[in-house]
N, C-alpha and C. Protein backbone atom coordinates (compact mmCIF):
# COMPACT_ATOMS: atom_id res chain seq x y z
N MET A 1 93.50 -76.75 181.12
CA MET A 1 94.57 -78.23 181.63
C MET A 1 93.53 -78.33 183.16
N GLU A 2 92.84 -80.32 182.84
CA GLU A 2 93.15 -80.73 183.57
C GLU A 2 93.87 -81.65 183.92
N GLY A 3 94.14 -81.86 185.14
CA GLY A 3 95.20 -82.74 185.23
C GLY A 3 95.47 -83.26 187.33
N THR A 4 95.35 -84.72 187.25
CA THR A 4 96.00 -85.42 188.54
C THR A 4 97.06 -85.86 188.01
N ASP A 5 97.80 -86.14 189.72
CA ASP A 5 98.88 -86.77 189.64
C ASP A 5 98.96 -86.76 191.19
N THR A 6 98.98 -88.75 191.28
CA THR A 6 99.12 -88.92 193.25
C THR A 6 100.32 -89.00 193.41
N GLU A 7 101.27 -89.60 192.62
CA GLU A 7 102.35 -89.98 192.51
C GLU A 7 103.37 -89.60 193.13
N ARG A 8 103.78 -88.75 192.52
CA ARG A 8 104.81 -87.61 192.12
C ARG A 8 104.45 -86.27 192.55
N GLY A 9 105.96 -85.73 192.18
CA GLY A 9 105.74 -84.24 192.13
C GLY A 9 106.58 -82.91 191.02
N SER A 10 106.48 -81.85 191.24
CA SER A 10 106.30 -81.24 189.87
C SER A 10 105.51 -80.90 189.32
N ILE A 11 104.14 -80.86 189.57
CA ILE A 11 103.20 -81.09 188.36
C ILE A 11 103.19 -79.51 188.25
N GLY A 12 102.91 -79.07 187.10
CA GLY A 12 102.48 -77.39 187.03
C GLY A 12 101.10 -77.72 185.95
N GLY A 13 100.89 -76.15 185.87
CA GLY A 13 99.78 -76.67 184.52
C GLY A 13 99.97 -76.02 183.17
N LEU A 14 101.42 -75.73 183.26
CA LEU A 14 102.27 -75.09 181.89
C LEU A 14 103.75 -76.53 182.15
N VAL A 15 104.31 -75.90 183.28
CA VAL A 15 106.14 -76.57 183.29
C VAL A 15 105.87 -77.63 184.37
N GLY A 16 106.29 -78.23 184.54
CA GLY A 16 106.98 -79.61 186.24
C GLY A 16 107.69 -79.06 186.57
N PHE A 17 108.84 -78.87 185.79
CA PHE A 17 110.17 -78.82 186.29
C PHE A 17 110.61 -77.74 185.42
N ASN A 18 110.77 -76.03 185.84
CA ASN A 18 111.24 -75.19 185.52
C ASN A 18 112.72 -74.93 185.81
N LYS A 19 113.63 -75.20 184.78
CA LYS A 19 115.03 -74.53 184.85
C LYS A 19 115.75 -73.49 183.54
N GLY A 20 115.59 -73.20 182.69
CA GLY A 20 115.11 -72.12 181.74
C GLY A 20 113.71 -70.77 182.18
N SER A 21 113.75 -70.58 180.78
CA SER A 21 112.54 -69.62 181.19
C SER A 21 111.22 -70.00 180.40
N VAL A 22 109.94 -68.88 181.42
CA VAL A 22 109.01 -69.42 180.89
C VAL A 22 108.22 -67.54 180.87
N ASP A 23 107.59 -67.12 179.36
CA ASP A 23 107.30 -65.70 178.97
C ASP A 23 106.52 -65.60 178.41
N ASN A 24 105.23 -64.99 178.62
CA ASN A 24 104.69 -64.54 177.96
C ASN A 24 103.44 -65.72 178.02
N SER A 25 103.53 -66.45 178.94
CA SER A 25 102.58 -68.09 178.86
C SER A 25 101.39 -67.74 179.79
N PHE A 26 100.46 -68.45 179.88
CA PHE A 26 99.23 -68.65 181.23
C PHE A 26 98.66 -70.51 180.84
N ALA A 27 97.71 -70.56 182.09
CA ALA A 27 97.68 -72.04 182.03
C ALA A 27 96.06 -71.62 182.69
N THR A 28 95.58 -72.51 182.32
CA THR A 28 94.04 -72.68 182.51
C THR A 28 93.26 -73.82 183.37
N GLY A 29 93.05 -73.59 184.78
CA GLY A 29 92.01 -75.20 185.10
C GLY A 29 92.82 -76.03 186.28
N THR A 30 92.32 -76.73 186.76
CA THR A 30 92.25 -77.74 187.97
C THR A 30 94.01 -78.52 187.75
N VAL A 31 94.59 -78.21 188.56
CA VAL A 31 95.69 -78.72 188.68
C VAL A 31 95.93 -79.88 189.85
N THR A 32 96.21 -80.57 190.24
CA THR A 32 95.78 -81.77 191.51
C THR A 32 97.34 -82.45 191.79
N ALA A 33 98.04 -82.48 192.56
CA ALA A 33 98.73 -83.50 193.05
C ALA A 33 99.05 -83.74 194.21
N THR A 34 99.96 -84.26 195.07
CA THR A 34 99.88 -84.99 196.14
C THR A 34 101.23 -83.53 196.46
N ILE A 35 102.11 -83.89 196.14
CA ILE A 35 103.30 -82.23 196.30
C ILE A 35 103.53 -81.44 195.29
N THR A 36 103.88 -80.47 195.57
CA THR A 36 104.88 -79.97 194.41
C THR A 36 103.92 -79.52 192.90
N VAL A 37 103.28 -78.55 193.40
CA VAL A 37 102.29 -78.51 192.18
C VAL A 37 101.64 -76.97 192.18
N GLY A 38 101.92 -76.24 191.40
CA GLY A 38 101.65 -75.15 190.78
C GLY A 38 100.70 -74.95 189.89
N GLY A 39 99.95 -74.08 189.91
CA GLY A 39 99.25 -73.02 188.69
C GLY A 39 99.76 -73.20 187.29
N LEU A 40 101.16 -72.44 187.40
CA LEU A 40 101.57 -72.43 186.21
C LEU A 40 102.64 -73.47 186.64
N VAL A 41 104.14 -73.41 186.81
CA VAL A 41 105.25 -74.18 187.19
C VAL A 41 104.95 -75.04 188.63
N GLY A 42 105.40 -76.44 188.66
CA GLY A 42 105.44 -77.51 189.66
C GLY A 42 106.65 -76.83 190.55
N THR A 43 107.98 -76.85 189.76
CA THR A 43 109.27 -76.36 190.87
C THR A 43 109.84 -76.04 189.59
N SER A 44 110.69 -74.75 190.40
CA SER A 44 111.59 -73.64 189.51
C SER A 44 112.67 -73.77 189.79
N ASP A 45 113.91 -73.81 188.90
CA ASP A 45 115.24 -73.78 190.01
C ASP A 45 115.88 -73.43 189.07
N GLU A 46 116.48 -72.39 189.12
CA GLU A 46 116.99 -70.89 188.17
C GLU A 46 116.73 -70.22 187.53
N GLY A 47 115.32 -71.11 187.30
CA GLY A 47 114.61 -70.31 185.84
C GLY A 47 114.16 -69.08 185.99
N SER A 48 113.33 -68.77 184.93
CA SER A 48 112.51 -66.96 185.31
C SER A 48 111.30 -67.47 185.04
N VAL A 49 110.22 -66.41 185.31
CA VAL A 49 109.09 -66.60 184.74
C VAL A 49 108.58 -65.66 184.81
N ASP A 50 108.20 -64.88 183.83
CA ASP A 50 107.72 -63.31 183.67
C ASP A 50 106.59 -63.00 182.23
N ASN A 51 105.58 -62.11 182.88
CA ASN A 51 104.75 -61.90 182.10
C ASN A 51 103.83 -62.97 181.44
N SER A 52 103.27 -63.66 182.99
CA SER A 52 102.44 -64.42 182.47
C SER A 52 101.29 -64.45 183.79
N PHE A 53 100.75 -65.60 183.72
CA PHE A 53 99.35 -65.61 184.66
C PHE A 53 99.12 -67.47 184.19
N ALA A 54 98.02 -67.25 185.55
CA ALA A 54 97.42 -68.67 185.83
C ALA A 54 95.56 -68.56 187.06
N THR A 55 95.08 -68.94 186.49
CA THR A 55 93.90 -69.15 187.05
C THR A 55 93.32 -71.04 186.55
N GLY A 56 92.81 -70.82 188.12
CA GLY A 56 92.40 -71.78 187.94
C GLY A 56 92.59 -73.32 189.86
N ALA A 57 92.00 -73.91 190.27
CA ALA A 57 92.20 -74.45 191.31
C ALA A 57 93.77 -75.52 191.48
N VAL A 58 94.30 -75.32 192.51
CA VAL A 58 95.81 -75.96 192.78
C VAL A 58 95.45 -76.60 194.06
N LYS A 59 95.35 -78.14 193.77
CA LYS A 59 95.24 -79.24 195.17
C LYS A 59 96.57 -80.15 195.59
N GLY A 60 96.48 -79.71 196.70
CA GLY A 60 97.85 -80.39 196.65
C GLY A 60 97.39 -80.72 198.74
N THR A 61 98.92 -81.27 199.43
CA THR A 61 99.11 -81.26 200.47
C THR A 61 100.69 -80.89 200.93
N GLN A 62 101.22 -80.53 200.27
CA GLN A 62 102.54 -79.92 200.42
C GLN A 62 103.57 -79.09 199.54
N HIS A 63 103.65 -78.08 199.60
CA HIS A 63 104.64 -77.17 198.72
C HIS A 63 103.68 -76.96 197.06
N VAL A 64 102.26 -76.28 197.27
CA VAL A 64 101.44 -75.81 196.64
C VAL A 64 101.40 -74.88 196.47
N GLY A 65 101.56 -74.03 195.40
CA GLY A 65 101.11 -72.49 194.68
C GLY A 65 100.08 -72.27 193.77
N GLY A 66 99.77 -71.05 193.67
CA GLY A 66 98.75 -71.15 192.89
C GLY A 66 99.73 -70.32 191.81
N LEU A 67 100.62 -70.43 191.49
CA LEU A 67 102.08 -70.09 190.42
C LEU A 67 102.78 -70.54 190.63
N VAL A 68 103.67 -71.32 191.43
CA VAL A 68 104.65 -72.11 191.29
C VAL A 68 104.32 -72.56 193.19
N GLY A 69 105.20 -74.18 192.56
CA GLY A 69 104.65 -75.01 193.71
C GLY A 69 105.86 -74.93 194.94
N TYR A 70 107.23 -74.84 193.77
CA TYR A 70 108.67 -74.87 194.71
C TYR A 70 109.32 -73.99 194.44
N VAL A 71 110.24 -73.20 194.87
CA VAL A 71 111.16 -72.22 193.92
C VAL A 71 112.57 -72.76 194.80
N TYR A 72 113.33 -73.04 194.07
CA TYR A 72 114.99 -73.54 194.60
C TYR A 72 115.62 -72.07 194.41
N SER A 73 115.47 -71.40 193.71
CA SER A 73 115.78 -70.30 193.36
C SER A 73 115.40 -69.63 191.88
N GLY A 74 115.68 -68.08 191.43
CA GLY A 74 114.83 -67.58 190.15
C GLY A 74 114.16 -66.27 190.16
N THR A 75 114.27 -65.70 188.73
CA THR A 75 113.57 -64.67 189.02
C THR A 75 112.26 -64.73 188.36
N PHE A 76 111.70 -63.92 188.89
CA PHE A 76 110.53 -63.45 188.70
C PHE A 76 109.73 -62.00 188.59
N SER A 77 108.76 -61.84 187.55
CA SER A 77 108.07 -60.16 186.96
C SER A 77 107.30 -60.79 186.30
N ASN A 78 106.17 -59.65 186.98
CA ASN A 78 105.33 -59.24 186.33
C ASN A 78 104.27 -60.42 186.35
N LEU A 79 104.09 -61.15 187.11
CA LEU A 79 103.03 -62.43 186.55
C LEU A 79 101.50 -62.30 188.12
N TYR A 80 100.47 -62.85 187.43
CA TYR A 80 99.70 -62.69 188.18
C TYR A 80 98.32 -64.20 188.40
N TRP A 81 97.89 -64.17 189.53
CA TRP A 81 97.18 -65.66 189.60
C TRP A 81 96.57 -65.02 190.49
N TYR A 82 95.63 -65.83 189.84
CA TYR A 82 93.40 -65.56 190.22
C TYR A 82 93.46 -66.98 190.88
N ASP A 83 93.02 -66.58 192.04
CA ASP A 83 92.90 -68.11 192.80
C ASP A 83 91.48 -68.15 193.04
N VAL A 84 90.82 -69.48 192.38
CA VAL A 84 89.33 -69.72 192.15
C VAL A 84 89.11 -70.96 193.09
N SER A 85 89.96 -71.56 193.74
CA SER A 85 90.31 -72.90 194.29
C SER A 85 89.44 -72.58 195.90
N ASP A 86 88.95 -73.23 196.97
CA ASP A 86 88.81 -73.27 198.16
C ASP A 86 89.67 -73.37 198.97
N VAL A 87 90.95 -73.10 198.88
CA VAL A 87 92.16 -73.63 199.83
C VAL A 87 91.94 -72.26 200.64
N ASP A 88 92.21 -72.57 201.94
CA ASP A 88 92.69 -71.48 203.20
C ASP A 88 94.04 -71.18 202.99
N ASP A 89 94.87 -69.77 203.27
CA ASP A 89 95.47 -69.84 203.30
C ASP A 89 96.26 -69.87 202.12
N ALA A 90 95.85 -69.23 200.56
CA ALA A 90 96.27 -69.69 199.90
C ALA A 90 97.68 -68.77 199.15
N THR A 91 98.49 -69.31 198.41
CA THR A 91 99.58 -68.08 198.19
C THR A 91 100.32 -68.49 196.44
N ALA A 92 100.66 -67.76 196.28
CA ALA A 92 101.22 -67.52 194.73
C ALA A 92 102.17 -68.28 194.54
N CYS A 93 103.35 -68.47 195.86
CA CYS A 93 104.32 -69.61 195.39
C CYS A 93 104.03 -70.42 197.20
N GLY A 94 104.13 -72.04 196.78
CA GLY A 94 104.27 -73.01 198.02
C GLY A 94 105.64 -73.08 198.31
């Protein structure tokens, strides 16, 4: 997946806004947005993410995460993130 969104937030390599469940999934490629961008999920609110992974560069200016850009609440287990970006101080969740 390669995509760019410079106007809105909650952009993810697989899911933009998660309020349900993401299971046994993966996303690869570059994801770029201004705010709230994640390699797998842009924003998670009361959702779950399990047994999933993301690889690829994730680029943005605020709430940027290799897996999830922003978390309101939710549960997460057995996740993998491989940072291939050139971001200093990169984190799994923004």
